[in-house]
Amino acid sequence: MGKMKEFTGFKENDNQLISIPEDFFKELLPKIDTIDEMKFILYLFWRLEKKEGAIRFLLEDDLFEDREIIENIVESKQTFRQLSDHLIDQALIRGVILDATFESNNRSNRIYFLNSAKGRAAVEAIKLGRWIPTTDQSVPTEIFEKPKNIFQLYESNIGALTPMIAEELGEAEETYPLNWIEDAIRIAVERNKRNWRYANAILKRWQIEGRDVKKDKTKNQRDSEKDRRRYVEGKYSDSVEH
């Protein structure tokens, strides 16, 4: 075995920095069983970071392009196909990545995402038939605007996206304008009613009674003022300056 090349230190280049979620160190690292598994997970973070587009993913073909890298970072004696299948299965079971399949160019393609809010939204969009990823690497990766915004808006403001909620969001998209859905979720958050049932009730009321943006804003301001007065005139009135 030849002498290992000495590491000369990290370069001062922000473009070479790779983001690793804090949860990896808090929750995943203590559970990782083998050095090969840890190396492969770190490789996935690096490989996904190098992808471009709003939604980053890896196709099976991407892994075969990195065959030499994977074979060099792990110590397994398995064939490359056995090795990659085993490491991917481990990452899926561990919850590091998510997978989905879609049809393109008369063939079935398997696709992998980081198990993040964007990744979960993308998988749901594929399952619901609302997004077909492109296998053309020269085309920027963009999920269709409406599903991306709706799914991510929900997870960012209300909570985890479940298949049932994703289906209801899809139905809402077919029924209401996108800006209605965005505004209804925003109003639910502002009124501290962080659930889809409340936002959906707003949408149904708008559909029946008509949407009066000025009236909605006035009611929002009135509700905020009511909450403020309840606070400063109630239990804590003596300690709040007003």
C-alpha atoms as a PDB file:
ATOM      1  CA  MET A   1       0.000   0.000   0.000  1.00  0.00           C
ATOM      2  CA  GLY A   2       1.383   3.369  -0.992  1.00  0.00           C
ATOM      3  CA  LYS A   3       1.988   6.153   1.460  1.00  0.00           C
ATOM      4  CA  MET A   4      -1.182   8.144   2.189  1.00  0.00           C
ATOM      5  CA  LYS A   5      -1.058  11.702   0.903  1.00  0.00           C
ATOM      6  CA  GLU A   6      -0.781  14.175   3.771  1.00  0.00           C
ATOM      7  CA  PHE A   7      -3.779  16.462   4.282  1.00  0.00           C
ATOM      8  CA  THR A   8      -2.635  20.068   3.930  1.00  0.00           C
ATOM      9  CA  GLY A   9      -5.643  21.750   5.517  1.00  0.00           C
ATOM     10  CA  PHE A  10      -9.026  23.187   4.539  1.00  0.00           C
ATOM     11  CA  LYS A  11      -9.189  25.913   1.925  1.00  0.00           C
ATOM     12  CA  GLU A  12     -10.752  29.283   2.741  1.00  0.00           C
ATOM     13  CA  ASN A  13     -13.526  29.107   0.147  1.00  0.00           C
ATOM     14  CA  ASP A  14     -17.191  29.535   1.066  1.00  0.00           C
ATOM     15  CA  ASN A  15     -18.202  27.815  -2.180  1.00  0.00           C
ATOM     16  CA  GLN A  16     -16.726  24.574  -0.851  1.00  0.00           C
ATOM     17  CA  LEU A  17     -18.744  24.543   2.359  1.00  0.00           C
ATOM     18  CA  ILE A  18     -21.356  21.788   2.740  1.00  0.00           C
ATOM     19  CA  SER A  19     -24.442  22.139   4.945  1.00  0.00           C
ATOM     20  CA  ILE A  20     -25.067  19.284   7.379  1.00  0.00           C
ATOM     21  CA  PRO A  21     -28.266  19.463   9.491  1.00  0.00           C
ATOM     22  CA  GLU A  22     -27.719  19.723  13.242  1.00  0.00           C
ATOM     23  CA  ASP A  23     -30.051  16.743  13.731  1.00  0.00           C
ATOM     24  CA  PHE A  24     -27.397  14.573  12.091  1.00  0.00           C
ATOM     25  CA  PHE A  25     -25.069  15.125  15.044  1.00  0.00           C
ATOM     26  CA  LYS A  26     -27.783  15.084  17.718  1.00  0.00           C
ATOM     27  CA  GLU A  27     -29.884  12.126  16.585  1.00  0.00           C
ATOM     28  CA  LEU A  28     -28.316  10.156  13.750  1.00  0.00           C
ATOM     29  CA  LEU A  29     -24.604  10.006  14.556  1.00  0.00           C
ATOM     30  CA  PRO A  30     -25.034   8.083  17.835  1.00  0.00           C
ATOM     31  CA  LYS A  31     -27.140   5.464  16.007  1.00  0.00           C
ATOM     32  CA  ILE A  32     -24.844   4.822  13.041  1.00  0.00           C
ATOM     33  CA  ASP A  33     -23.444   1.304  13.266  1.00  0.00           C
ATOM     34  CA  THR A  34     -20.560   1.212  10.805  1.00  0.00           C
ATOM     35  CA  ILE A  35     -17.933   3.540   9.388  1.00  0.00           C
ATOM     36  CA  ASP A  36     -19.151   2.687   5.865  1.00  0.00           C
ATOM     37  CA  GLU A  37     -22.644   3.891   6.707  1.00  0.00           C
ATOM     38  CA  MET A  38     -21.323   7.156   8.142  1.00  0.00           C
ATOM     39  CA  LYS A  39     -19.090   7.766   5.106  1.00  0.00           C
ATOM     40  CA  PHE A  40     -21.963   7.143   2.720  1.00  0.00           C
ATOM     41  CA  ILE A  41     -24.324   9.510   4.570  1.00  0.00           C
ATOM     42  CA  LEU A  42     -21.677  12.237   4.467  1.00  0.00           C
ATOM     43  CA  TYR A  43     -21.234  11.514   0.767  1.00  0.00           C
ATOM     44  CA  LEU A  44     -25.008  11.986   0.252  1.00  0.00           C
ATOM     45  CA  PHE A  45     -24.914  15.395   1.963  1.00  0.00           C
ATOM     46  CA  TRP A  46     -22.029  16.440  -0.287  1.00  0.00           C
ATOM     47  CA  ARG A  47     -23.559  15.037  -3.482  1.00  0.00           C
ATOM     48  CA  LEU A  48     -26.978  16.616  -2.917  1.00  0.00           C
ATOM     49  CA  GLU A  49     -25.393  19.965  -2.034  1.00  0.00           C
ATOM     50  CA  LYS A  50     -23.657  19.969  -5.417  1.00  0.00           C
ATOM     51  CA  LYS A  51     -26.950  19.622  -7.277  1.00  0.00           C
ATOM     52  CA  GLU A  52     -28.683  22.714  -8.630  1.00  0.00           C
ATOM     53  CA  GLY A  53     -32.305  23.804  -8.500  1.00  0.00           C
ATOM     54  CA  ALA A  54     -34.925  24.529  -5.867  1.00  0.00           C
ATOM     55  CA  ILE A  55     -35.484  20.800  -5.245  1.00  0.00           C
ATOM     56  CA  ARG A  56     -32.285  18.739  -5.148  1.00  0.00           C
ATOM     57  CA  PHE A  57     -32.340  15.026  -5.812  1.00  0.00           C
ATOM     58  CA  LEU A  58     -30.254  12.087  -6.971  1.00  0.00           C
ATOM     59  CA  LEU A  59     -31.159   9.555  -9.622  1.00  0.00           C
ATOM     60  CA  GLU A  60     -29.751   6.038  -9.620  1.00  0.00           C
ATOM     61  CA  ASP A  61     -27.620   7.013 -12.607  1.00  0.00           C
ATOM     62  CA  ASP A  62     -26.022   9.770 -10.508  1.00  0.00           C
ATOM     63  CA  LEU A  63     -24.676   7.167  -8.102  1.00  0.00           C
ATOM     64  CA  PHE A  64     -23.135   5.172 -10.940  1.00  0.00           C
ATOM     65  CA  GLU A  65     -21.332   8.320 -12.102  1.00  0.00           C
ATOM     66  CA  ASP A  66     -19.658   8.416  -8.671  1.00  0.00           C
ATOM     67  CA  ARG A  67     -18.704   4.767  -8.648  1.00  0.00           C
ATOM     68  CA  GLU A  68     -15.003   5.428  -8.056  1.00  0.00           C
ATOM     69  CA  ILE A  69     -15.725   7.789  -5.153  1.00  0.00           C
ATOM     70  CA  ILE A  70     -18.055   5.356  -3.416  1.00  0.00           C
ATOM     71  CA  GLU A  71     -15.696   2.416  -3.870  1.00  0.00           C
ATOM     72  CA  ASN A  72     -12.836   4.475  -2.440  1.00  0.00           C
ATOM     73  CA  ILE A  73     -14.621   5.739   0.662  1.00  0.00           C
ATOM     74  CA  VAL A  74     -16.021   2.393   1.818  1.00  0.00           C
ATOM     75  CA  GLU A  75     -14.225  -0.815   2.709  1.00  0.00           C
ATOM     76  CA  SER A  76     -16.824  -3.373   1.655  1.00  0.00           C
ATOM     77  CA  LYS A  77     -15.796  -6.161  -0.744  1.00  0.00           C
ATOM     78  CA  GLN A  78     -19.257  -6.394  -2.307  1.00  0.00           C
ATOM     79  CA  THR A  79     -19.841  -5.682  -5.974  1.00  0.00           C
ATOM     80  CA  PHE A  80     -20.673  -2.043  -6.657  1.00  0.00           C
ATOM     81  CA  ARG A  81     -24.341  -2.830  -7.320  1.00  0.00           C
ATOM     82  CA  GLN A  82     -24.662  -4.815  -4.089  1.00  0.00           C
ATOM     83  CA  LEU A  83     -22.781  -2.133  -2.207  1.00  0.00           C
ATOM     84  CA  SER A  84     -24.843   0.802  -3.487  1.00  0.00           C
ATOM     85  CA  ASP A  85     -28.145  -1.056  -2.937  1.00  0.00           C
ATOM     86  CA  HIS A  86     -27.116  -1.931   0.631  1.00  0.00           C
ATOM     87  CA  LEU A  87     -25.978   1.593   1.532  1.00  0.00           C
ATOM     88  CA  ILE A  88     -29.086   3.193  -0.003  1.00  0.00           C
ATOM     89  CA  ASP A  89     -31.371   0.776   1.849  1.00  0.00           C
ATOM     90  CA  GLN A  90     -29.589   1.655   5.097  1.00  0.00           C
ATOM     91  CA  ALA A  91     -30.031   5.386   4.455  1.00  0.00           C
ATOM     92  CA  LEU A  92     -33.735   4.862   3.684  1.00  0.00           C
ATOM     93  CA  ILE A  93     -34.338   2.766   6.807  1.00  0.00           C
ATOM     94  CA  ARG A  94     -32.424   5.276   8.902  1.00  0.00           C
ATOM     95  CA  GLY A  95     -34.609   8.081   7.527  1.00  0.00           C
ATOM     96  CA  VAL A  96     -31.758  10.098   6.039  1.00  0.00           C
ATOM     97  CA  ILE A  97     -33.267  10.048   2.547  1.00  0.00           C
ATOM     98  CA  LEU A  98     -36.629   9.414   0.897  1.00  0.00           C
ATOM     99  CA  ASP A  99     -37.304   7.724  -2.413  1.00  0.00           C
ATOM    100  CA  ALA A 100     -39.977   7.738  -5.095  1.00  0.00           C
ATOM    101  CA  THR A 101     -40.436   6.297  -8.591  1.00  0.00           C
ATOM    102  CA  PHE A 102     -41.708   7.956 -11.745  1.00  0.00           C
ATOM    103  CA  GLU A 103     -42.028   7.080 -15.404  1.00  0.00           C
ATOM    104  CA  SER A 104     -39.929   8.933 -17.983  1.00  0.00           C
ATOM    105  CA  ASN A 105     -38.852   7.967 -21.510  1.00  0.00           C
ATOM    106  CA  ASN A 106     -40.713   4.633 -21.199  1.00  0.00           C
ATOM    107  CA  ARG A 107     -38.701   3.538 -18.197  1.00  0.00           C
ATOM    108  CA  SER A 108     -39.195   3.542 -14.447  1.00  0.00           C
ATOM    109  CA  ASN A 109     -36.830   5.841 -12.584  1.00  0.00           C
ATOM    110  CA  ARG A 110     -35.995   5.790  -8.896  1.00  0.00           C
ATOM    111  CA  ILE A 111     -35.242   9.146  -7.292  1.00  0.00           C
ATOM    112  CA  TYR A 112     -33.807  10.091  -3.885  1.00  0.00           C
ATOM    113  CA  PHE A 113     -34.302  13.205  -1.758  1.00  0.00           C
ATOM    114  CA  LEU A 114     -32.925  14.365   1.565  1.00  0.00           C
ATOM    115  CA  ASN A 115     -35.576  13.808   4.243  1.00  0.00           C
ATOM    116  CA  SER A 116     -36.264  17.544   4.614  1.00  0.00           C
ATOM    117  CA  ALA A 117     -39.385  19.687   4.209  1.00  0.00           C
ATOM    118  CA  LYS A 118     -38.618  20.175   0.515  1.00  0.00           C
ATOM    119  CA  GLY A 119     -37.857  16.487   0.038  1.00  0.00           C
ATOM    120  CA  ARG A 120     -41.085  15.378   1.709  1.00  0.00           C
ATOM    121  CA  ALA A 121     -43.117  17.853  -0.348  1.00  0.00           C
ATOM    122  CA  ALA A 122     -41.469  16.638  -3.559  1.00  0.00           C
ATOM    123  CA  VAL A 123     -42.189  12.975  -2.781  1.00  0.00           C
ATOM    124  CA  GLU A 124     -45.852  13.773  -2.097  1.00  0.00           C
ATOM    125  CA  ALA A 125     -46.065  15.769  -5.334  1.00  0.00           C
ATOM    126  CA  ILE A 126     -44.713  12.781  -7.291  1.00  0.00           C
ATOM    127  CA  LYS A 127     -47.102  10.347  -5.573  1.00  0.00           C
ATOM    128  CA  LEU A 128     -50.048  12.629  -6.359  1.00  0.00           C
ATOM    129  CA  GLY A 129     -48.951  12.929  -9.994  1.00  0.00           C
ATOM    130  CA  ARG A 130     -48.435  16.684  -9.671  1.00  0.00           C
ATOM    131  CA  TRP A 131     -44.758  16.678 -10.592  1.00  0.00           C
ATOM    132  CA  ILE A 132     -42.660  14.569 -12.958  1.00  0.00           C
ATOM    133  CA  PRO A 133     -38.932  15.250 -12.429  1.00  0.00           C
ATOM    134  CA  THR A 134     -36.743  15.657 -15.480  1.00  0.00           C
ATOM    135  CA  THR A 135     -33.883  13.243 -16.114  1.00  0.00           C
ATOM    136  CA  ASP A 136     -32.178  15.829 -18.312  1.00  0.00           C
ATOM    137  CA  GLN A 137     -29.357  17.143 -16.133  1.00  0.00           C
ATOM    138  CA  SER A 138     -29.092  20.313 -18.231  1.00  0.00           C
ATOM    139  CA  VAL A 139     -32.598  21.415 -17.227  1.00  0.00           C
ATOM    140  CA  PRO A 140     -32.850  23.281 -13.897  1.00  0.00           C
ATOM    141  CA  THR A 141     -34.739  21.251 -11.308  1.00  0.00           C
ATOM    142  CA  GLU A 142     -37.984  23.011 -10.470  1.00  0.00           C
ATOM    143  CA  ILE A 143     -41.074  21.485  -8.976  1.00  0.00           C
ATOM    144  CA  PHE A 144     -44.294  22.948 -10.381  1.00  0.00           C
ATOM    145  CA  GLU A 145     -44.926  26.285  -8.691  1.00  0.00           C
ATOM    146  CA  LYS A 146     -48.288  25.566  -7.076  1.00  0.00           C
ATOM    147  CA  PRO A 147     -47.561  22.248  -5.350  1.00  0.00           C
ATOM    148  CA  LYS A 148     -44.160  23.462  -4.175  1.00  0.00           C
ATOM    149  CA  ASN A 149     -45.576  26.628  -2.655  1.00  0.00           C
ATOM    150  CA  ILE A 150     -48.627  24.983  -1.093  1.00  0.00           C
ATOM    151  CA  PHE A 151     -46.809  22.010   0.420  1.00  0.00           C
ATOM    152  CA  GLN A 152     -43.865  24.026   1.698  1.00  0.00           C
ATOM    153  CA  LEU A 153     -46.092  26.845   2.906  1.00  0.00           C
ATOM    154  CA  TYR A 154     -48.057  24.321   4.963  1.00  0.00           C
ATOM    155  CA  GLU A 155     -44.983  22.676   6.513  1.00  0.00           C
ATOM    156  CA  SER A 156     -43.313  26.014   7.207  1.00  0.00           C
ATOM    157  CA  ASN A 157     -46.324  27.505   8.964  1.00  0.00           C
ATOM    158  CA  ILE A 158     -48.577  24.728  10.263  1.00  0.00           C
ATOM    159  CA  GLY A 159     -46.821  21.391  10.634  1.00  0.00           C
ATOM    160  CA  ALA A 160     -45.630  18.134   9.115  1.00  0.00           C
ATOM    161  CA  LEU A 161     -47.185  17.190   5.799  1.00  0.00           C
ATOM    162  CA  THR A 162     -49.095  13.894   5.946  1.00  0.00           C
ATOM    163  CA  PRO A 163     -50.457  12.050   2.889  1.00  0.00           C
ATOM    164  CA  MET A 164     -54.028  12.948   3.951  1.00  0.00           C
ATOM    165  CA  ILE A 165     -53.191  16.651   4.302  1.00  0.00           C
ATOM    166  CA  ALA A 166     -51.293  16.575   0.995  1.00  0.00           C
ATOM    167  CA  GLU A 167     -54.387  15.179  -0.685  1.00  0.00           C
ATOM    168  CA  GLU A 168     -56.593  17.876   0.869  1.00  0.00           C
ATOM    169  CA  LEU A 169     -54.122  20.561  -0.212  1.00  0.00           C
ATOM    170  CA  GLY A 170     -54.242  19.157  -3.726  1.00  0.00           C
ATOM    171  CA  GLU A 171     -58.049  19.315  -3.713  1.00  0.00           C
ATOM    172  CA  ALA A 172     -57.923  22.883  -2.410  1.00  0.00           C
ATOM    173  CA  GLU A 173     -55.564  23.810  -5.224  1.00  0.00           C
ATOM    174  CA  GLU A 174     -58.122  22.574  -7.747  1.00  0.00           C
ATOM    175  CA  THR A 175     -60.903  24.564  -6.038  1.00  0.00           C
ATOM    176  CA  TYR A 176     -59.402  27.888  -4.937  1.00  0.00           C
ATOM    177  CA  PRO A 177     -56.903  30.403  -6.347  1.00  0.00           C
ATOM    178  CA  LEU A 178     -53.373  29.940  -5.035  1.00  0.00           C
ATOM    179  CA  ASN A 179     -53.288  33.377  -3.390  1.00  0.00           C
ATOM    180  CA  TRP A 180     -56.481  32.473  -1.444  1.00  0.00           C
ATOM    181  CA  ILE A 181     -54.786  29.402   0.005  1.00  0.00           C
ATOM    182  CA  GLU A 182     -51.673  31.380   0.906  1.00  0.00           C
ATOM    183  CA  ASP A 183     -53.752  34.121   2.564  1.00  0.00           C
ATOM    184  CA  ALA A 184     -55.947  31.627   4.450  1.00  0.00           C
ATOM    185  CA  ILE A 185     -52.874  29.904   5.913  1.00  0.00           C
ATOM    186  CA  ARG A 186     -51.358  33.277   6.795  1.00  0.00           C
ATOM    187  CA  ILE A 187     -54.559  34.356   8.576  1.00  0.00           C
ATOM    188  CA  ALA A 188     -54.717  31.049  10.481  1.00  0.00           C
ATOM    189  CA  VAL A 189     -51.155  31.602  11.698  1.00  0.00           C
ATOM    190  CA  GLU A 190     -51.796  35.228  12.658  1.00  0.00           C
ATOM    191  CA  ARG A 191     -54.836  34.139  14.697  1.00  0.00           C
ATOM    192  CA  ASN A 192     -52.822  31.348  16.335  1.00  0.00           C
ATOM    193  CA  LYS A 193     -55.029  28.681  14.713  1.00  0.00           C
ATOM    194  CA  ARG A 194     -52.277  26.585  13.178  1.00  0.00           C
ATOM    195  CA  ASN A 195     -54.299  23.831  11.542  1.00  0.00           C
ATOM    196  CA  TRP A 196     -55.585  23.113   8.060  1.00  0.00           C
ATOM    197  CA  ARG A 197     -59.209  22.785   9.241  1.00  0.00           C
ATOM    198  CA  TYR A 198     -59.264  26.461  10.236  1.00  0.00           C
ATOM    199  CA  ALA A 199     -57.623  27.645   6.992  1.00  0.00           C
ATOM    200  CA  ASN A 200     -59.969  25.466   4.948  1.00  0.00           C
ATOM    201  CA  ALA A 201     -62.994  26.953   6.767  1.00  0.00           C
ATOM    202  CA  ILE A 202     -61.818  30.412   5.716  1.00  0.00           C
ATOM    203  CA  LEU A 203     -61.576  29.263   2.104  1.00  0.00           C
ATOM    204  CA  LYS A 204     -65.083  27.778   2.188  1.00  0.00           C
ATOM    205  CA  ARG A 205     -66.492  31.009   3.640  1.00  0.00           C
ATOM    206  CA  TRP A 206     -64.802  33.067   0.929  1.00  0.00           C
ATOM    207  CA  GLN A 207     -66.206  30.735  -1.719  1.00  0.00           C
ATOM    208  CA  ILE A 208     -69.756  31.129  -0.388  1.00  0.00           C
ATOM    209  CA  GLU A 209     -69.758  34.774   0.660  1.00  0.00           C
ATOM    210  CA  GLY A 210     -67.162  36.171  -1.715  1.00  0.00           C
ATOM    211  CA  ARG A 211     -63.719  37.466  -0.915  1.00  0.00           C
ATOM    212  CA  ASP A 212     -63.475  40.991   0.476  1.00  0.00           C
ATOM    213  CA  VAL A 213     -59.764  41.642   1.009  1.00  0.00           C
ATOM    214  CA  LYS A 214     -60.352  44.978   2.755  1.00  0.00           C
ATOM    215  CA  LYS A 215     -62.858  43.383   5.134  1.00  0.00           C
ATOM    216  CA  ASP A 216     -60.444  40.538   5.908  1.00  0.00           C
ATOM    217  CA  LYS A 217     -57.663  42.977   6.748  1.00  0.00           C
ATOM    218  CA  THR A 218     -59.980  45.043   8.945  1.00  0.00           C
ATOM    219  CA  LYS A 219     -61.159  41.927  10.823  1.00  0.00           C
ATOM    220  CA  ASN A 220     -57.561  40.806  11.287  1.00  0.00           C
ATOM    221  CA  GLN A 221     -56.646  44.178  12.746  1.00  0.00           C
ATOM    222  CA  ARG A 222     -59.751  44.091  14.957  1.00  0.00           C
ATOM    223  CA  ASP A 223     -58.878  40.610  16.236  1.00  0.00           C
ATOM    224  CA  SER A 224     -55.302  41.709  16.962  1.00  0.00           C
ATOM    225  CA  GLU A 225     -56.546  44.759  18.839  1.00  0.00           C
ATOM    226  CA  LYS A 226     -58.994  42.579  20.816  1.00  0.00           C
ATOM    227  CA  ASP A 227     -56.171  40.240  21.828  1.00  0.00           C
ATOM    228  CA  ARG A 228     -53.988  43.187  22.839  1.00  0.00           C
ATOM    229  CA  ARG A 229     -56.711  44.745  24.967  1.00  0.00           C
ATOM    230  CA  ARG A 230     -57.496  41.398  26.605  1.00  0.00           C
ATOM    231  CA  TYR A 231     -53.843  41.199  27.616  1.00  0.00           C
ATOM    232  CA  VAL A 232     -53.283  44.773  28.833  1.00  0.00           C
ATOM    233  CA  GLU A 233     -56.662  45.172  30.568  1.00  0.00           C
ATOM    234  CA  GLY A 234     -56.832  41.733  32.119  1.00  0.00           C
ATOM    235  CA  LYS A 235     -54.681  39.735  34.488  1.00  0.00           C
ATOM    236  CA  TYR A 236     -51.422  41.528  33.608  1.00  0.00           C
ATOM    237  CA  SER A 237     -52.774  45.087  33.397  1.00  0.00           C
ATOM    238  CA  ASP A 238     -50.735  46.278  36.372  1.00  0.00           C
ATOM    239  CA  SER A 239     -47.441  45.169  34.853  1.00  0.00           C
ATOM    240  CA  VAL A 240     -48.008  46.262  31.242  1.00  0.00           C
ATOM    241  CA  GLU A 241     -47.321  49.854  30.249  1.00  0.00           C
ATOM    242  CA  HIS A 242     -50.023  51.231  27.949  1.00  0.00           C
END
